[in-house]
Amino acid sequence: SVAVCQQAVMAACSPGDEVMYAWRSFEAYPILTTLAGARSVPVPLLPDTRHDLMAMADAVTDRTRVIFVCTPNNPTGPAVTEAELTEFLGRVPEDVLVVVDEAYFEFGLADPDGPVLDAVTLSRGRSNVLVVRTFSKAYGLAGMRVGYGVASPVVAAALRKCALPFGVSLLSQAAALAS
């Protein structure tokens, strides 16, 4: 899924644009941002190590192009709830791509107020949401490097333009399909 995250940043950003993410979170976000020539906007986690989505929404500028929301967060663990993400998406401009990184989706803990967030379901009808997942964790295919994204047709087309050809081997594809 890190390749899909890279495609998102490459597709959405020009040098000087902003990529926002909670910090600490997945170590690849600042690297991908730098590779695109964009500027990192790390937003500190709350004291309980959860995403501060309201601070993130407040930090959006006219240069913000991508926002990463990692849930459950890597490396701290807390997940974003459906209510939190819904409120956050309502505050983010529609021209900002929100990448919901669910690499650890299968390990999410139930929200005491409801089920585990399923961003794929929540993203339906939202053209600025990309959900990324991977087969590396729960399916034991770490060495095969297979991930995927779920997005609107417009976002998916932009991602395809930035995709490295032949990035997934035939064996990896077969293992992912079997999983």
Protein backbone atom coordinates (compact mmCIF):
# COMPACT_ATOMS: atom_id res chain seq x y z
CA SER A 1 0.00 0.00 0.00
CA VAL A 2 2.97 2.33 0.38
CA ALA A 3 3.25 2.38 -3.41
CA VAL A 4 -0.37 3.53 -3.66
CA CYS A 5 0.38 6.22 -1.07
CA GLN A 6 3.32 7.35 -3.20
CA GLN A 7 1.13 7.43 -6.31
CA ALA A 8 -1.36 9.63 -4.44
CA VAL A 9 1.29 12.15 -3.45
CA MET A 10 2.85 12.15 -6.92
CA ALA A 11 -0.54 12.58 -8.61
CA ALA A 12 -1.79 15.35 -6.32
CA CYS A 13 1.31 17.40 -5.48
CA SER A 14 3.61 19.83 -7.19
CA PRO A 15 6.74 21.21 -5.55
CA GLY A 16 5.77 23.45 -2.64
CA ASP A 17 2.37 21.86 -2.05
CA GLU A 18 1.57 20.50 1.41
CA VAL A 19 1.07 16.95 2.62
CA MET A 20 -0.38 16.64 6.11
CA TYR A 21 -0.26 13.71 8.51
CA ALA A 22 -0.42 13.02 12.23
CA TRP A 23 2.96 12.63 13.89
CA ARG A 24 4.05 10.12 14.91
CA SER A 25 2.55 7.99 12.26
CA PHE A 26 3.77 5.86 9.38
CA GLU A 27 7.42 6.71 8.71
CA ALA A 28 6.93 6.70 4.93
CA TYR A 29 4.69 9.80 4.84
CA PRO A 30 7.51 12.36 5.23
CA ILE A 31 9.70 10.40 2.81
CA LEU A 32 6.98 10.29 0.13
CA THR A 33 6.34 14.00 0.64
CA THR A 34 10.02 14.85 0.15
CA LEU A 35 10.23 12.70 -2.99
CA ALA A 36 7.40 14.74 -4.52
CA GLY A 37 9.07 18.05 -3.61
CA ALA A 38 6.14 18.85 -1.35
CA ARG A 39 6.24 20.25 2.18
CA SER A 40 5.44 18.11 5.21
CA VAL A 41 2.85 19.38 7.68
CA PRO A 42 3.07 17.06 10.69
CA VAL A 43 0.30 17.56 13.27
CA PRO A 44 1.06 16.30 16.79
CA LEU A 45 -0.98 13.44 18.18
CA LEU A 46 -3.28 13.97 21.15
CA PRO A 47 -1.85 12.98 24.57
CA ASP A 48 -3.57 9.58 24.26
CA THR A 49 -1.71 9.06 20.91
CA ARG A 50 -4.85 9.44 18.81
CA HIS A 51 -5.06 11.61 15.68
CA ASP A 52 -6.06 15.20 16.44
CA LEU A 53 -8.38 15.42 13.46
CA MET A 54 -9.77 18.81 14.47
CA ALA A 55 -6.26 20.29 14.61
CA MET A 56 -5.57 18.70 11.24
CA ALA A 57 -8.71 20.23 9.74
CA ASP A 58 -7.71 23.61 11.20
CA ALA A 59 -4.23 23.32 9.63
CA VAL A 60 -5.51 22.94 6.05
CA THR A 61 -4.34 25.77 3.78
CA ASP A 62 -4.78 26.60 0.13
CA ARG A 63 -1.54 24.61 -0.50
CA THR A 64 -2.78 21.41 1.20
CA ARG A 65 -3.18 18.68 -1.42
CA VAL A 66 -3.04 15.38 0.54
CA ILE A 67 -3.89 14.40 4.11
CA PHE A 68 -2.95 10.98 5.46
CA VAL A 69 -5.12 9.45 8.18
CA CYS A 70 -3.60 6.20 9.43
CA THR A 71 -6.11 4.02 11.26
CA PRO A 72 -5.28 2.11 13.34
CA ASN A 73 -2.30 4.42 13.65
CA ASN A 74 1.15 3.00 13.00
CA PRO A 75 3.01 2.94 15.40
CA THR A 76 0.78 4.07 18.30
CA GLY A 77 -2.28 1.87 17.68
CA PRO A 78 -5.44 3.92 18.28
CA ALA A 79 -8.04 3.86 15.53
CA VAL A 80 -10.13 6.72 14.24
CA THR A 81 -13.86 6.27 14.79
CA GLU A 82 -16.49 6.54 12.08
CA ALA A 83 -17.97 9.62 13.76
CA GLU A 84 -14.56 11.32 13.96
CA LEU A 85 -13.70 10.62 10.33
CA THR A 86 -17.14 11.68 9.13
CA GLU A 87 -16.85 15.01 10.97
CA PHE A 88 -13.29 15.48 9.67
CA LEU A 89 -14.27 14.80 6.06
CA GLY A 90 -17.04 17.35 6.42
CA ARG A 91 -14.45 19.99 7.30
CA VAL A 92 -11.88 19.17 4.60
CA PRO A 93 -12.28 20.94 1.24
CA GLU A 94 -13.32 18.62 -1.58
CA ASP A 95 -10.19 19.46 -3.58
CA VAL A 96 -7.95 17.95 -0.88
CA LEU A 97 -7.28 14.21 -1.21
CA VAL A 98 -7.75 12.37 2.09
CA VAL A 99 -5.84 9.09 2.10
CA VAL A 100 -7.18 6.76 4.78
CA ASP A 101 -4.38 4.28 5.37
CA GLU A 102 -5.97 1.09 6.68
CA ALA A 103 -2.88 -1.13 6.44
CA TYR A 104 -3.79 -2.54 9.86
CA PHE A 105 -7.56 -2.63 9.22
CA GLU A 106 -7.86 -6.31 10.12
CA PHE A 107 -6.32 -5.61 13.54
CA GLY A 108 -8.64 -2.73 14.42
CA LEU A 109 -10.33 -2.82 17.77
CA ALA A 110 -14.04 -2.26 18.04
CA ASP A 111 -15.08 1.28 18.90
CA PRO A 112 -16.97 1.20 22.22
CA ASP A 113 -19.66 3.32 20.56
CA GLY A 114 -19.92 1.24 17.39
CA PRO A 115 -18.21 -1.11 14.93
CA VAL A 116 -14.66 -0.81 13.62
CA LEU A 117 -14.40 1.99 11.07
CA ASP A 118 -14.59 0.70 7.51
CA ALA A 119 -13.36 3.63 5.44
CA VAL A 120 -14.23 1.87 2.19
CA THR A 121 -17.91 2.01 3.09
CA LEU A 122 -17.59 5.57 4.40
CA SER A 123 -15.78 6.71 1.23
CA ARG A 124 -18.65 5.83 -1.10
CA GLY A 125 -19.89 8.96 -2.79
CA ARG A 126 -16.85 10.99 -1.70
CA SER A 127 -14.63 11.82 -4.65
CA ASN A 128 -11.72 13.05 -2.50
CA VAL A 129 -11.18 9.92 -0.38
CA LEU A 130 -8.68 7.18 -1.17
CA VAL A 131 -8.57 4.13 1.09
CA VAL A 132 -5.41 2.02 1.02
CA ARG A 133 -5.00 -1.48 2.40
CA THR A 134 -2.40 -4.20 2.16
CA PHE A 135 -2.03 -7.96 2.12
CA SER A 136 1.32 -7.65 3.95
CA LYS A 137 0.02 -7.74 7.51
CA ALA A 138 -2.98 -9.97 8.28
CA TYR A 139 -2.49 -12.18 5.24
CA GLY A 140 1.20 -12.87 5.86
CA LEU A 141 2.35 -11.67 2.44
CA ALA A 142 4.87 -9.07 3.65
CA GLY A 143 7.59 -10.08 1.20
CA MET A 144 5.19 -9.99 -1.73
CA ARG A 145 4.46 -6.24 -1.41
CA VAL A 146 0.82 -6.26 -2.51
CA GLY A 147 -1.49 -3.43 -1.57
CA TYR A 148 -4.47 -1.75 -3.12
CA GLY A 149 -6.49 1.42 -3.14
CA VAL A 150 -10.22 2.07 -3.34
CA ALA A 151 -11.18 5.44 -4.79
CA SER A 152 -13.45 7.32 -7.13
CA PRO A 153 -12.87 6.74 -10.86
CA VAL A 154 -11.17 10.14 -11.18
CA VAL A 155 -8.69 9.45 -8.36
CA ALA A 156 -8.08 5.89 -9.59
CA ALA A 157 -7.26 7.19 -13.08
CA ALA A 158 -4.77 9.70 -11.62
CA LEU A 159 -3.13 6.94 -9.56
CA ARG A 160 -2.75 4.70 -12.61
CA LYS A 161 -0.83 7.47 -14.40
CA CYS A 162 1.77 7.43 -11.60
CA ALA A 163 1.98 3.66 -11.15
CA LEU A 164 5.27 1.92 -11.72
CA PRO A 165 4.63 -0.80 -14.30
CA PHE A 166 5.26 -4.41 -13.35
CA GLY A 167 5.33 -3.47 -9.64
CA VAL A 168 3.66 -6.71 -8.53
CA SER A 169 4.87 -10.12 -9.65
CA LEU A 170 2.56 -12.82 -11.00
CA LEU A 171 3.21 -14.92 -7.88
CA SER A 172 2.30 -11.98 -5.65
CA GLN A 173 -0.90 -11.40 -7.62
CA ALA A 174 -1.88 -15.06 -7.27
CA ALA A 175 -1.19 -15.01 -3.52
CA ALA A 176 -3.26 -11.85 -3.05
CA LEU A 177 -6.17 -13.31 -5.03
CA ALA A 178 -6.01 -16.50 -2.97
CA SER A 179 -6.03 -14.45 0.23
